[in-house]
């Protein structure tokens, strides 16, 4: 199985970055092929152009899809699973990832009759959250995020979809440091759970973007 890791965080000085590193180590120890799409490091443009809007708004369906979007779609097609790793910003993913979905989920690819996008074996969301899920409002916010990410953006585009939240990670949260080792161990084990021979696919070696 090959895994595409879509990582979205503006700083390496973050718990989210540690989660990504731990997860990738798990993939490597599982002998699983992978590619990391680091949206900030690669300078992905999240802003939809007018030309893209006119295409997606069904005004000019024959217009070409931008090259950078085609590159992301090619990454998806060469993978069997996608893992999204990002922080919760105001009950949403960072603007960079919001724009990634808005630009990459194009008509004719992610939707349309019929869409060309392959059905993925698995999609996993690893989300870091500053607040604690012991607070009712955070649970409500998480359910709202699941509705968007699973119910709308993934929907039937994957055979299996899972969300894991690492909460209480604000630097001012008094129990934060004690929770970090366990969360990183879990991230590693989630990576380890992806096996090279899943779905009958041979190990193809790792790839980095």
N, C-alpha and C. Protein backbone atom coordinates (compact mmCIF):
# COMPACT_ATOMS: atom_id res chain seq x y z
N UNK A 1 0.84 -1.20 0.00
CA UNK A 1 0.00 0.00 0.00
C UNK A 1 0.87 1.24 0.00
N UNK A 2 0.50 2.20 -0.82
CA UNK A 2 1.19 3.49 -0.82
C UNK A 2 0.29 4.53 -0.17
N UNK A 3 0.87 5.31 0.72
CA UNK A 3 0.13 6.31 1.48
C UNK A 3 0.58 7.72 1.08
N UNK A 4 -0.38 8.57 0.76
CA UNK A 4 -0.11 9.98 0.54
C UNK A 4 -0.40 10.72 1.84
N UNK A 5 0.61 11.37 2.41
CA UNK A 5 0.45 12.14 3.64
C UNK A 5 0.32 13.61 3.24
N UNK A 6 -0.86 14.17 3.41
CA UNK A 6 -1.08 15.59 3.13
C UNK A 6 -0.94 16.33 4.45
N UNK A 7 0.18 17.02 4.59
CA UNK A 7 0.53 17.68 5.85
C UNK A 7 0.36 19.18 5.69
N UNK A 8 -0.31 19.81 6.66
CA UNK A 8 -0.59 21.24 6.54
C UNK A 8 -0.40 21.95 7.88
N UNK A 9 0.74 22.56 8.05
CA UNK A 9 1.02 23.38 9.23
C UNK A 9 2.12 24.37 8.88
N UNK A 10 1.99 25.63 9.32
CA UNK A 10 2.97 26.65 8.93
C UNK A 10 4.29 26.61 9.68
N UNK A 11 4.41 25.79 10.73
CA UNK A 11 5.63 25.82 11.55
C UNK A 11 6.11 24.42 11.91
N UNK A 12 7.44 24.24 11.84
CA UNK A 12 8.01 22.98 12.31
C UNK A 12 8.08 22.97 13.84
N UNK A 13 7.99 24.13 14.45
CA UNK A 13 8.00 24.23 15.91
C UNK A 13 6.57 24.04 16.42
N UNK A 14 6.07 22.83 16.26
CA UNK A 14 4.68 22.57 16.61
C UNK A 14 4.50 21.10 16.95
N UNK A 15 3.48 20.84 17.74
CA UNK A 15 3.12 19.46 18.06
C UNK A 15 2.64 18.74 16.81
N UNK A 16 1.96 19.46 15.92
CA UNK A 16 1.47 18.85 14.69
C UNK A 16 2.62 18.29 13.86
N UNK A 17 3.72 19.02 13.82
CA UNK A 17 4.90 18.54 13.09
C UNK A 17 5.44 17.26 13.73
N UNK A 18 5.41 17.22 15.05
CA UNK A 18 5.86 16.00 15.75
C UNK A 18 4.96 14.82 15.42
N UNK A 19 3.67 15.07 15.34
CA UNK A 19 2.73 14.00 14.97
C UNK A 19 3.06 13.47 13.58
N UNK A 20 3.30 14.38 12.65
CA UNK A 20 3.64 13.96 11.29
C UNK A 20 4.90 13.12 11.27
N UNK A 21 5.93 13.55 11.99
CA UNK A 21 7.19 12.81 12.02
C UNK A 21 7.00 11.42 12.63
N UNK A 22 6.22 11.34 13.70
CA UNK A 22 5.99 10.05 14.35
C UNK A 22 5.20 9.12 13.44
N UNK A 23 4.20 9.66 12.76
CA UNK A 23 3.40 8.84 11.86
C UNK A 23 4.25 8.31 10.71
N UNK A 24 5.08 9.15 10.13
CA UNK A 24 5.94 8.73 9.02
C UNK A 24 6.93 7.66 9.47
N UNK A 25 7.46 7.79 10.68
CA UNK A 25 8.34 6.74 11.20
C UNK A 25 7.61 5.40 11.26
N UNK A 26 6.34 5.44 11.64
CA UNK A 26 5.54 4.22 11.67
C UNK A 26 5.40 3.62 10.28
N UNK A 27 5.14 4.46 9.28
CA UNK A 27 5.05 3.98 7.90
C UNK A 27 6.35 3.31 7.46
N UNK A 28 7.45 3.97 7.80
CA UNK A 28 8.74 3.43 7.40
C UNK A 28 9.01 2.08 8.06
N UNK A 29 8.70 1.97 9.34
CA UNK A 29 8.94 0.71 10.06
C UNK A 29 7.99 -0.39 9.59
N UNK A 30 6.86 0.02 8.99
CA UNK A 30 5.93 -0.96 8.43
C UNK A 30 6.35 -1.39 7.03
N UNK A 31 7.37 -0.72 6.48
CA UNK A 31 7.80 -1.02 5.12
C UNK A 31 6.81 -0.54 4.09
N UNK A 32 6.13 0.55 4.42
CA UNK A 32 5.05 1.05 3.57
C UNK A 32 5.55 2.19 2.68
N UNK A 33 5.19 2.15 1.42
CA UNK A 33 5.53 3.23 0.51
C UNK A 33 4.72 4.47 0.87
N UNK A 34 5.33 5.64 0.74
CA UNK A 34 4.60 6.86 1.08
C UNK A 34 5.19 8.06 0.36
N UNK A 35 4.39 9.11 0.30
CA UNK A 35 4.83 10.41 -0.20
C UNK A 35 4.25 11.47 0.72
N UNK A 36 5.05 12.46 1.07
CA UNK A 36 4.58 13.56 1.91
C UNK A 36 4.34 14.79 1.04
N UNK A 37 3.12 15.29 1.07
CA UNK A 37 2.78 16.55 0.41
C UNK A 37 2.70 17.61 1.50
N UNK A 38 3.79 18.34 1.69
CA UNK A 38 3.87 19.39 2.71
C UNK A 38 3.41 20.69 2.05
N UNK A 39 2.15 21.04 2.26
CA UNK A 39 1.55 22.14 1.50
C UNK A 39 2.23 23.48 1.72
N UNK A 40 2.63 23.77 2.95
CA UNK A 40 3.31 25.03 3.22
C UNK A 40 4.71 25.02 2.62
N UNK A 41 5.47 23.96 2.85
CA UNK A 41 6.85 23.89 2.37
C UNK A 41 6.91 23.94 0.85
N UNK A 42 5.91 23.36 0.21
CA UNK A 42 5.89 23.32 -1.25
C UNK A 42 5.28 24.58 -1.86
N UNK A 43 4.70 25.43 -1.02
CA UNK A 43 4.12 26.66 -1.52
C UNK A 43 2.86 26.45 -2.34
N UNK A 44 2.04 25.48 -1.94
CA UNK A 44 0.79 25.27 -2.66
C UNK A 44 -0.07 26.53 -2.61
N UNK A 45 -0.65 26.90 -3.75
CA UNK A 45 -1.50 28.08 -3.83
C UNK A 45 -2.94 27.67 -3.53
N UNK A 46 -3.51 28.09 -2.39
CA UNK A 46 -4.87 27.67 -2.05
C UNK A 46 -5.97 28.53 -2.65
N UNK A 47 -5.58 29.58 -3.39
CA UNK A 47 -6.57 30.55 -3.88
C UNK A 47 -7.09 30.16 -5.26
N UNK A 48 -8.39 29.95 -5.34
CA UNK A 48 -9.02 29.62 -6.61
C UNK A 48 -9.04 30.85 -7.51
N UNK A 49 -8.60 30.70 -8.75
CA UNK A 49 -8.59 31.80 -9.70
C UNK A 49 -9.97 32.00 -10.31
N UNK A 50 -10.16 33.11 -11.00
CA UNK A 50 -11.44 33.33 -11.68
C UNK A 50 -11.67 32.26 -12.75
N UNK A 51 -10.59 31.89 -13.45
CA UNK A 51 -10.72 30.87 -14.49
C UNK A 51 -11.19 29.54 -13.89
N UNK A 52 -10.65 29.20 -12.73
CA UNK A 52 -11.07 27.96 -12.07
C UNK A 52 -12.53 28.05 -11.64
N UNK A 53 -12.91 29.20 -11.10
CA UNK A 53 -14.31 29.38 -10.70
C UNK A 53 -15.25 29.20 -11.89
N UNK A 54 -14.89 29.79 -13.02
CA UNK A 54 -15.75 29.68 -14.20
C UNK A 54 -15.87 28.23 -14.67
N UNK A 55 -14.81 27.46 -14.49
CA UNK A 55 -14.87 26.04 -14.85
C UNK A 55 -15.75 25.28 -13.84
N UNK A 56 -15.46 25.48 -12.54
CA UNK A 56 -16.19 24.75 -11.50
C UNK A 56 -17.64 25.20 -11.39
N UNK A 57 -17.92 26.43 -11.83
CA UNK A 57 -19.30 26.94 -11.78
C UNK A 57 -20.11 26.56 -13.00
N UNK A 58 -19.57 25.64 -13.84
CA UNK A 58 -20.27 25.11 -15.01
C UNK A 58 -20.49 26.14 -16.11
N UNK A 59 -19.63 27.17 -16.12
CA UNK A 59 -19.71 28.14 -17.21
C UNK A 59 -18.84 27.70 -18.39
N UNK A 60 -17.62 27.18 -18.04
CA UNK A 60 -16.68 26.80 -19.10
C UNK A 60 -16.06 25.45 -18.74
N UNK A 61 -16.83 24.40 -18.89
CA UNK A 61 -16.40 23.07 -18.47
C UNK A 61 -15.24 22.52 -19.29
N UNK A 62 -15.03 23.05 -20.48
CA UNK A 62 -13.95 22.54 -21.33
C UNK A 62 -12.61 23.19 -21.04
N UNK A 63 -12.58 24.16 -20.14
CA UNK A 63 -11.31 24.81 -19.80
C UNK A 63 -10.38 23.81 -19.12
N UNK A 64 -9.06 23.95 -19.33
CA UNK A 64 -8.11 23.00 -18.73
C UNK A 64 -7.98 23.17 -17.21
N UNK A 65 -7.63 22.08 -16.55
CA UNK A 65 -7.34 22.11 -15.12
C UNK A 65 -5.90 22.58 -14.94
N UNK A 66 -5.63 23.50 -13.99
CA UNK A 66 -4.26 24.01 -13.80
C UNK A 66 -3.25 22.90 -13.52
N UNK A 67 -2.02 23.13 -13.93
CA UNK A 67 -0.96 22.12 -13.81
C UNK A 67 -0.71 21.72 -12.36
N UNK A 68 -0.75 22.69 -11.43
CA UNK A 68 -0.46 22.34 -10.03
C UNK A 68 -1.57 21.47 -9.44
N UNK A 69 -2.80 21.67 -9.91
CA UNK A 69 -3.92 20.84 -9.46
C UNK A 69 -3.79 19.44 -10.04
N UNK A 70 -3.42 19.34 -11.29
CA UNK A 70 -3.22 18.03 -11.92
C UNK A 70 -2.13 17.24 -11.20
N UNK A 71 -1.12 17.96 -10.72
CA UNK A 71 -0.04 17.30 -9.97
C UNK A 71 -0.58 16.67 -8.70
N UNK A 72 -1.44 17.37 -7.98
CA UNK A 72 -2.02 16.83 -6.76
C UNK A 72 -2.92 15.63 -7.08
N UNK A 73 -3.68 15.73 -8.15
CA UNK A 73 -4.55 14.62 -8.54
C UNK A 73 -3.73 13.40 -8.93
N UNK A 74 -2.61 13.63 -9.59
CA UNK A 74 -1.73 12.51 -9.94
C UNK A 74 -1.19 11.83 -8.69
N UNK A 75 -0.87 12.61 -7.67
CA UNK A 75 -0.41 12.04 -6.40
C UNK A 75 -1.48 11.13 -5.80
N UNK A 76 -2.71 11.59 -5.86
CA UNK A 76 -3.82 10.80 -5.32
C UNK A 76 -3.95 9.49 -6.10
N UNK A 77 -3.91 9.58 -7.41
CA UNK A 77 -4.10 8.40 -8.25
C UNK A 77 -2.99 7.37 -8.08
N UNK A 78 -1.82 7.83 -7.66
CA UNK A 78 -0.70 6.90 -7.45
C UNK A 78 -0.68 6.34 -6.03
N UNK A 79 -1.68 6.69 -5.23
CA UNK A 79 -1.73 6.26 -3.83
C UNK A 79 -2.95 5.38 -3.58
N UNK A 80 -2.89 4.64 -2.48
CA UNK A 80 -4.01 3.79 -2.07
C UNK A 80 -4.75 4.36 -0.88
N UNK A 81 -4.10 5.25 -0.16
CA UNK A 81 -4.70 5.86 1.03
C UNK A 81 -4.17 7.28 1.17
N UNK A 82 -4.95 8.13 1.81
CA UNK A 82 -4.51 9.50 2.13
C UNK A 82 -4.65 9.70 3.62
N UNK A 83 -3.62 10.30 4.21
CA UNK A 83 -3.66 10.69 5.62
C UNK A 83 -3.47 12.20 5.68
N UNK A 84 -4.46 12.90 6.23
CA UNK A 84 -4.39 14.34 6.39
C UNK A 84 -3.95 14.65 7.82
N UNK A 85 -2.91 15.46 7.96
CA UNK A 85 -2.40 15.83 9.28
C UNK A 85 -2.39 17.35 9.36
N UNK A 86 -3.14 17.90 10.31
CA UNK A 86 -3.26 19.35 10.40
C UNK A 86 -3.86 19.76 11.75
N UNK A 87 -3.76 21.04 12.10
CA UNK A 87 -4.35 21.53 13.35
C UNK A 87 -5.77 22.05 13.14
N UNK A 88 -6.54 22.03 14.19
CA UNK A 88 -7.88 22.62 14.18
C UNK A 88 -7.73 24.13 14.35
N UNK A 89 -8.10 24.89 13.34
CA UNK A 89 -8.11 26.35 13.41
C UNK A 89 -9.57 26.81 13.33
N UNK A 90 -10.14 27.24 14.45
CA UNK A 90 -11.50 27.77 14.47
C UNK A 90 -12.49 26.78 13.83
N UNK A 91 -12.46 25.54 14.29
CA UNK A 91 -13.36 24.48 13.85
C UNK A 91 -13.23 24.22 12.35
N UNK A 92 -12.03 24.34 11.86
CA UNK A 92 -11.76 24.06 10.44
C UNK A 92 -10.29 23.74 10.29
N UNK A 93 -9.93 23.26 9.12
CA UNK A 93 -8.52 23.06 8.82
C UNK A 93 -7.91 24.40 8.41
N UNK A 94 -6.58 24.53 8.39
CA UNK A 94 -5.96 25.77 7.94
C UNK A 94 -6.42 26.15 6.53
N UNK A 95 -6.38 27.45 6.23
CA UNK A 95 -6.85 27.95 4.93
C UNK A 95 -6.16 27.25 3.77
N UNK A 96 -4.89 26.88 3.97
CA UNK A 96 -4.13 26.19 2.92
C UNK A 96 -4.81 24.87 2.54
N UNK A 97 -5.26 24.11 3.53
CA UNK A 97 -5.91 22.83 3.24
C UNK A 97 -7.33 23.03 2.72
N UNK A 98 -8.02 24.05 3.24
CA UNK A 98 -9.35 24.35 2.70
C UNK A 98 -9.24 24.62 1.20
N UNK A 99 -8.24 25.42 0.82
CA UNK A 99 -8.04 25.73 -0.59
C UNK A 99 -7.61 24.53 -1.40
N UNK A 100 -6.87 23.61 -0.76
CA UNK A 100 -6.45 22.39 -1.45
C UNK A 100 -7.68 21.60 -1.90
N UNK A 101 -8.64 21.42 -1.00
CA UNK A 101 -9.86 20.71 -1.37
C UNK A 101 -10.63 21.47 -2.44
N UNK A 102 -10.76 22.78 -2.26
CA UNK A 102 -11.55 23.57 -3.20
C UNK A 102 -10.97 23.55 -4.61
N UNK A 103 -9.64 23.46 -4.70
CA UNK A 103 -9.00 23.46 -6.02
C UNK A 103 -8.80 22.05 -6.58
N UNK A 104 -8.48 21.08 -5.73
CA UNK A 104 -8.14 19.74 -6.21
C UNK A 104 -9.38 18.88 -6.47
N UNK A 105 -10.45 19.11 -5.73
CA UNK A 105 -11.68 18.35 -5.93
C UNK A 105 -12.43 18.96 -7.13
N UNK A 106 -11.91 18.81 -8.32
CA UNK A 106 -12.49 19.46 -9.50
C UNK A 106 -13.62 18.64 -10.11
N UNK A 107 -14.45 19.36 -10.91
CA UNK A 107 -15.50 18.69 -11.67
C UNK A 107 -14.87 17.76 -12.69
N UNK A 108 -15.41 16.55 -12.79
CA UNK A 108 -14.86 15.57 -13.70
C UNK A 108 -13.83 14.68 -13.02
N UNK A 109 -13.30 15.16 -11.89
CA UNK A 109 -12.34 14.35 -11.15
C UNK A 109 -12.96 13.83 -9.86
N UNK A 110 -13.27 14.73 -8.91
CA UNK A 110 -13.83 14.31 -7.63
C UNK A 110 -15.35 14.24 -7.66
N UNK A 111 -15.96 14.90 -8.61
CA UNK A 111 -17.41 14.84 -8.74
C UNK A 111 -17.78 15.02 -10.21
N UNK A 112 -19.01 14.70 -10.55
CA UNK A 112 -19.44 14.71 -11.95
C UNK A 112 -19.98 13.34 -12.31
N UNK A 113 -20.36 13.17 -13.53
CA UNK A 113 -21.00 11.92 -13.96
C UNK A 113 -20.26 11.27 -15.12
N UNK A 114 -19.40 10.27 -14.83
CA UNK A 114 -18.95 9.86 -13.49
C UNK A 114 -17.63 10.54 -13.17
N UNK A 115 -17.25 10.62 -11.90
CA UNK A 115 -15.95 11.20 -11.56
C UNK A 115 -14.82 10.24 -11.90
N UNK A 116 -13.65 10.79 -12.24
CA UNK A 116 -12.51 9.97 -12.63
C UNK A 116 -11.68 9.51 -11.43
N UNK A 117 -11.90 10.12 -10.30
CA UNK A 117 -11.07 9.83 -9.11
C UNK A 117 -11.24 8.38 -8.67
N UNK A 118 -10.12 7.73 -8.36
CA UNK A 118 -10.16 6.35 -7.88
C UNK A 118 -10.80 6.29 -6.50
N UNK A 119 -11.34 5.16 -6.13
CA UNK A 119 -11.84 4.98 -4.76
C UNK A 119 -10.68 4.52 -3.90
N UNK A 120 -10.37 5.29 -2.88
CA UNK A 120 -9.24 5.01 -2.00
C UNK A 120 -9.57 3.88 -1.03
N UNK A 121 -8.55 3.16 -0.62
CA UNK A 121 -8.73 2.11 0.37
C UNK A 121 -9.07 2.70 1.74
N UNK A 122 -8.41 3.82 2.07
CA UNK A 122 -8.61 4.41 3.40
C UNK A 122 -8.24 5.89 3.38
N UNK A 123 -8.96 6.66 4.18
CA UNK A 123 -8.60 8.05 4.48
C UNK A 123 -8.58 8.19 5.99
N UNK A 124 -7.51 8.80 6.48
CA UNK A 124 -7.35 9.01 7.91
C UNK A 124 -7.05 10.48 8.17
N UNK A 125 -7.76 11.07 9.12
CA UNK A 125 -7.52 12.44 9.53
C UNK A 125 -6.86 12.43 10.91
N UNK A 126 -5.68 13.01 11.02
CA UNK A 126 -5.02 13.20 12.31
C UNK A 126 -5.05 14.70 12.60
N UNK A 127 -5.88 15.09 13.56
CA UNK A 127 -6.13 16.51 13.83
C UNK A 127 -5.64 16.86 15.23
N UNK A 128 -4.85 17.90 15.33
CA UNK A 128 -4.43 18.39 16.64
C UNK A 128 -5.36 19.52 17.06
N UNK A 129 -5.70 19.54 18.35
CA UNK A 129 -6.66 20.51 18.86
C UNK A 129 -6.14 21.14 20.14
N UNK A 130 -6.24 22.46 20.21
CA UNK A 130 -5.78 23.16 21.40
C UNK A 130 -6.65 22.88 22.61
N UNK A 131 -7.97 22.88 22.41
CA UNK A 131 -8.90 22.65 23.51
C UNK A 131 -9.02 21.18 23.86
N UNK A 132 -9.74 20.92 24.95
CA UNK A 132 -9.90 19.56 25.44
C UNK A 132 -11.28 19.01 25.09
N UNK A 133 -11.32 17.74 24.70
CA UNK A 133 -12.59 17.09 24.39
C UNK A 133 -13.40 16.75 25.64
N UNK A 134 -12.88 17.13 26.81
CA UNK A 134 -13.69 17.03 28.02
C UNK A 134 -14.71 18.17 28.07
N UNK A 135 -14.53 19.19 27.23
CA UNK A 135 -15.46 20.30 27.13
C UNK A 135 -16.52 19.98 26.08
N UNK A 136 -17.76 20.12 26.42
CA UNK A 136 -18.84 19.80 25.50
C UNK A 136 -18.78 20.53 24.18
N UNK A 137 -18.37 21.81 24.24
CA UNK A 137 -18.33 22.61 23.01
C UNK A 137 -17.32 22.05 22.03
N UNK A 138 -16.22 21.46 22.56
CA UNK A 138 -15.20 20.88 21.67
C UNK A 138 -15.74 19.63 20.99
N UNK A 139 -16.53 18.86 21.70
CA UNK A 139 -17.13 17.67 21.11
C UNK A 139 -18.07 18.07 19.97
N UNK A 140 -18.85 19.12 20.19
CA UNK A 140 -19.75 19.62 19.16
C UNK A 140 -18.96 20.10 17.94
N UNK A 141 -17.86 20.79 18.21
CA UNK A 141 -17.02 21.28 17.11
C UNK A 141 -16.43 20.12 16.31
N UNK A 142 -16.01 19.07 17.02
CA UNK A 142 -15.46 17.90 16.34
C UNK A 142 -16.51 17.25 15.44
N UNK A 143 -17.73 17.13 15.93
CA UNK A 143 -18.79 16.55 15.11
C UNK A 143 -19.05 17.39 13.86
N UNK A 144 -18.96 18.71 14.01
CA UNK A 144 -19.13 19.59 12.85
C UNK A 144 -18.02 19.36 11.83
N UNK A 145 -16.78 19.21 12.32
CA UNK A 145 -15.65 18.96 11.42
C UNK A 145 -15.81 17.62 10.71
N UNK A 146 -16.31 16.61 11.42
CA UNK A 146 -16.53 15.30 10.80
C UNK A 146 -17.58 15.39 9.69
N UNK A 147 -18.62 16.18 9.93
CA UNK A 147 -19.65 16.34 8.92
C UNK A 147 -19.07 16.90 7.64
N UNK A 148 -18.18 17.87 7.77
CA UNK A 148 -17.54 18.49 6.60
C UNK A 148 -16.57 17.53 5.94
N UNK A 149 -15.64 17.00 6.72
CA UNK A 149 -14.56 16.20 6.14
C UNK A 149 -15.03 14.82 5.68
N UNK A 150 -15.76 14.11 6.52
CA UNK A 150 -16.20 12.77 6.15
C UNK A 150 -17.46 12.81 5.30
N UNK A 151 -18.47 13.55 5.76
CA UNK A 151 -19.75 13.55 5.08
C UNK A 151 -19.74 14.22 3.73
N UNK A 152 -18.92 15.24 3.55
CA UNK A 152 -18.92 16.00 2.30
C UNK A 152 -17.68 15.71 1.46
N UNK A 153 -16.50 15.93 2.02
CA UNK A 153 -15.29 15.88 1.21
C UNK A 153 -14.83 14.46 0.88
N UNK A 154 -14.99 13.53 1.79
CA UNK A 154 -14.61 12.15 1.49
C UNK A 154 -15.82 11.36 1.01
N UNK A 155 -16.88 11.37 1.76
CA UNK A 155 -18.14 10.74 1.37
C UNK A 155 -17.88 9.32 0.88
N UNK A 156 -18.15 9.03 -0.40
CA UNK A 156 -17.95 7.68 -0.93
C UNK A 156 -16.66 7.57 -1.74
N UNK A 157 -15.73 8.49 -1.50
CA UNK A 157 -14.47 8.48 -2.24
C UNK A 157 -13.42 7.55 -1.62
N UNK A 158 -13.77 6.92 -0.51
CA UNK A 158 -12.88 5.97 0.15
C UNK A 158 -13.71 4.85 0.76
N UNK A 159 -13.12 3.67 0.84
CA UNK A 159 -13.81 2.53 1.43
C UNK A 159 -13.92 2.66 2.94
N UNK A 160 -12.95 3.35 3.54
CA UNK A 160 -12.92 3.49 4.99
C UNK A 160 -12.39 4.88 5.34
N UNK A 161 -12.98 5.50 6.35
CA UNK A 161 -12.54 6.83 6.76
C UNK A 161 -12.57 6.92 8.28
N UNK A 162 -11.51 7.50 8.84
CA UNK A 162 -11.37 7.57 10.29
C UNK A 162 -10.80 8.94 10.69
N UNK A 163 -11.23 9.43 11.82
CA UNK A 163 -10.73 10.69 12.37
C UNK A 163 -10.16 10.43 13.76
N UNK A 164 -8.95 10.91 13.98
CA UNK A 164 -8.34 10.82 15.32
C UNK A 164 -7.91 12.23 15.73
N UNK A 165 -8.32 12.65 16.91
CA UNK A 165 -8.01 13.99 17.41
C UNK A 165 -7.07 13.90 18.60
N UNK A 166 -6.01 14.68 18.57
CA UNK A 166 -5.08 14.79 19.69
C UNK A 166 -5.38 16.13 20.37
N UNK A 167 -6.14 16.06 21.44
CA UNK A 167 -6.68 17.29 22.04
C UNK A 167 -5.85 17.76 23.24
N UNK A 168 -6.22 18.95 23.72
CA UNK A 168 -5.55 19.53 24.88
C UNK A 168 -4.10 19.92 24.60
N UNK A 169 -3.82 20.38 23.39
CA UNK A 169 -2.45 20.64 22.98
C UNK A 169 -2.06 22.12 22.98
N UNK A 170 -2.92 23.00 23.48
CA UNK A 170 -2.51 24.40 23.64
C UNK A 170 -1.35 24.46 24.61
N UNK A 171 -0.36 25.30 24.32
CA UNK A 171 0.82 25.37 25.17
C UNK A 171 0.48 25.84 26.59
N UNK A 172 -0.66 26.47 26.77
CA UNK A 172 -1.04 26.90 28.11
C UNK A 172 -1.81 25.84 28.88
N UNK A 173 -2.14 24.73 28.24
CA UNK A 173 -2.92 23.68 28.89
C UNK A 173 -2.04 22.93 29.87
N UNK A 174 -2.45 22.88 31.13
CA UNK A 174 -1.58 22.39 32.20
C UNK A 174 -1.17 20.93 32.06
N UNK A 175 -2.00 20.12 31.41
CA UNK A 175 -1.68 18.69 31.28
C UNK A 175 -1.05 18.36 29.93
N UNK A 176 -0.71 19.38 29.17
CA UNK A 176 -0.23 19.16 27.80
C UNK A 176 0.98 18.25 27.74
N UNK A 177 2.03 18.59 28.47
CA UNK A 177 3.30 17.86 28.34
C UNK A 177 3.16 16.39 28.69
N UNK A 178 2.29 16.09 29.64
CA UNK A 178 2.11 14.69 30.02
C UNK A 178 1.37 13.88 28.96
N UNK A 179 0.65 14.56 28.10
CA UNK A 179 -0.12 13.87 27.06
C UNK A 179 0.67 13.65 25.78
N UNK A 180 1.71 14.44 25.57
CA UNK A 180 2.46 14.39 24.31
C UNK A 180 3.04 13.01 24.01
N UNK A 181 3.78 12.37 24.94
CA UNK A 181 4.39 11.07 24.61
C UNK A 181 3.38 10.02 24.16
N UNK A 182 2.25 9.94 24.85
CA UNK A 182 1.23 8.96 24.49
C UNK A 182 0.64 9.24 23.11
N UNK A 183 0.40 10.50 22.81
CA UNK A 183 -0.15 10.87 21.51
C UNK A 183 0.84 10.54 20.38
N UNK A 184 2.12 10.83 20.61
CA UNK A 184 3.11 10.54 19.58
C UNK A 184 3.28 9.04 19.38
N UNK A 185 3.17 8.29 20.45
CA UNK A 185 3.23 6.84 20.33
C UNK A 185 2.04 6.35 19.51
N UNK A 186 0.88 6.93 19.75
CA UNK A 186 -0.31 6.53 18.99
C UNK A 186 -0.16 6.88 17.51
N UNK A 187 0.39 8.06 17.23
CA UNK A 187 0.61 8.46 15.84
C UNK A 187 1.55 7.48 15.14
N UNK A 188 2.61 7.08 15.85
CA UNK A 188 3.54 6.10 15.30
C UNK A 188 2.83 4.78 15.02
N UNK A 189 2.02 4.32 15.96
CA UNK A 189 1.33 3.04 15.81
C UNK A 189 0.29 3.09 14.68
N UNK A 190 -0.31 4.25 14.48
CA UNK A 190 -1.24 4.39 13.36
C UNK A 190 -0.49 4.26 12.03
N UNK A 191 0.71 4.83 11.97
CA UNK A 191 1.53 4.65 10.77
C UNK A 191 1.95 3.21 10.58
N UNK A 192 2.27 2.56 11.69
CA UNK A 192 2.70 1.17 11.66
C UNK A 192 1.56 0.26 11.18
N UNK A 193 0.33 0.72 11.38
CA UNK A 193 -0.81 -0.08 10.99
C UNK A 193 -1.02 -0.18 9.49
N UNK A 194 -0.38 0.70 8.73
CA UNK A 194 -0.44 0.61 7.27
C UNK A 194 0.64 -0.36 6.82
N UNK A 195 0.24 -1.45 6.20
CA UNK A 195 1.19 -2.48 5.80
C UNK A 195 1.45 -2.45 4.31
N UNK A 196 2.67 -2.83 3.95
CA UNK A 196 3.07 -2.81 2.55
C UNK A 196 2.19 -3.72 1.69
N UNK A 197 1.71 -4.82 2.27
CA UNK A 197 0.95 -5.78 1.48
C UNK A 197 -0.55 -5.60 1.59
N UNK A 198 -1.01 -4.52 2.22
CA UNK A 198 -2.45 -4.26 2.28
C UNK A 198 -3.02 -4.16 0.87
N UNK A 199 -4.23 -4.66 0.69
CA UNK A 199 -4.92 -4.65 -0.60
C UNK A 199 -4.15 -5.42 -1.65
N UNK A 200 -3.26 -6.33 -1.21
CA UNK A 200 -2.52 -7.16 -2.14
C UNK A 200 -1.49 -6.41 -2.92
N UNK A 201 -1.06 -5.26 -2.42
CA UNK A 201 -0.11 -4.44 -3.16
C UNK A 201 1.32 -4.69 -2.68
N UNK A 202 2.25 -4.82 -3.60
CA UNK A 202 3.64 -5.05 -3.22
C UNK A 202 4.28 -3.79 -2.67
N UNK A 203 5.29 -3.95 -1.86
CA UNK A 203 6.05 -2.82 -1.33
C UNK A 203 6.81 -2.16 -2.49
N UNK A 204 6.65 -0.85 -2.56
CA UNK A 204 7.30 -0.15 -3.66
C UNK A 204 8.37 0.83 -3.21
N UNK A 205 8.71 0.80 -1.94
CA UNK A 205 9.70 1.75 -1.45
C UNK A 205 9.07 3.07 -1.11
N UNK A 206 9.75 3.88 -0.34
CA UNK A 206 9.17 5.16 0.08
C UNK A 206 9.53 6.26 -0.92
N UNK A 207 8.67 7.26 -0.98
CA UNK A 207 8.91 8.41 -1.83
C UNK A 207 8.65 9.67 -1.00
N UNK A 208 9.44 10.67 -1.21
CA UNK A 208 9.22 11.96 -0.55
C UNK A 208 8.94 13.02 -1.63
N UNK A 209 8.03 13.93 -1.30
CA UNK A 209 7.72 14.98 -2.26
C UNK A 209 8.90 15.93 -2.36
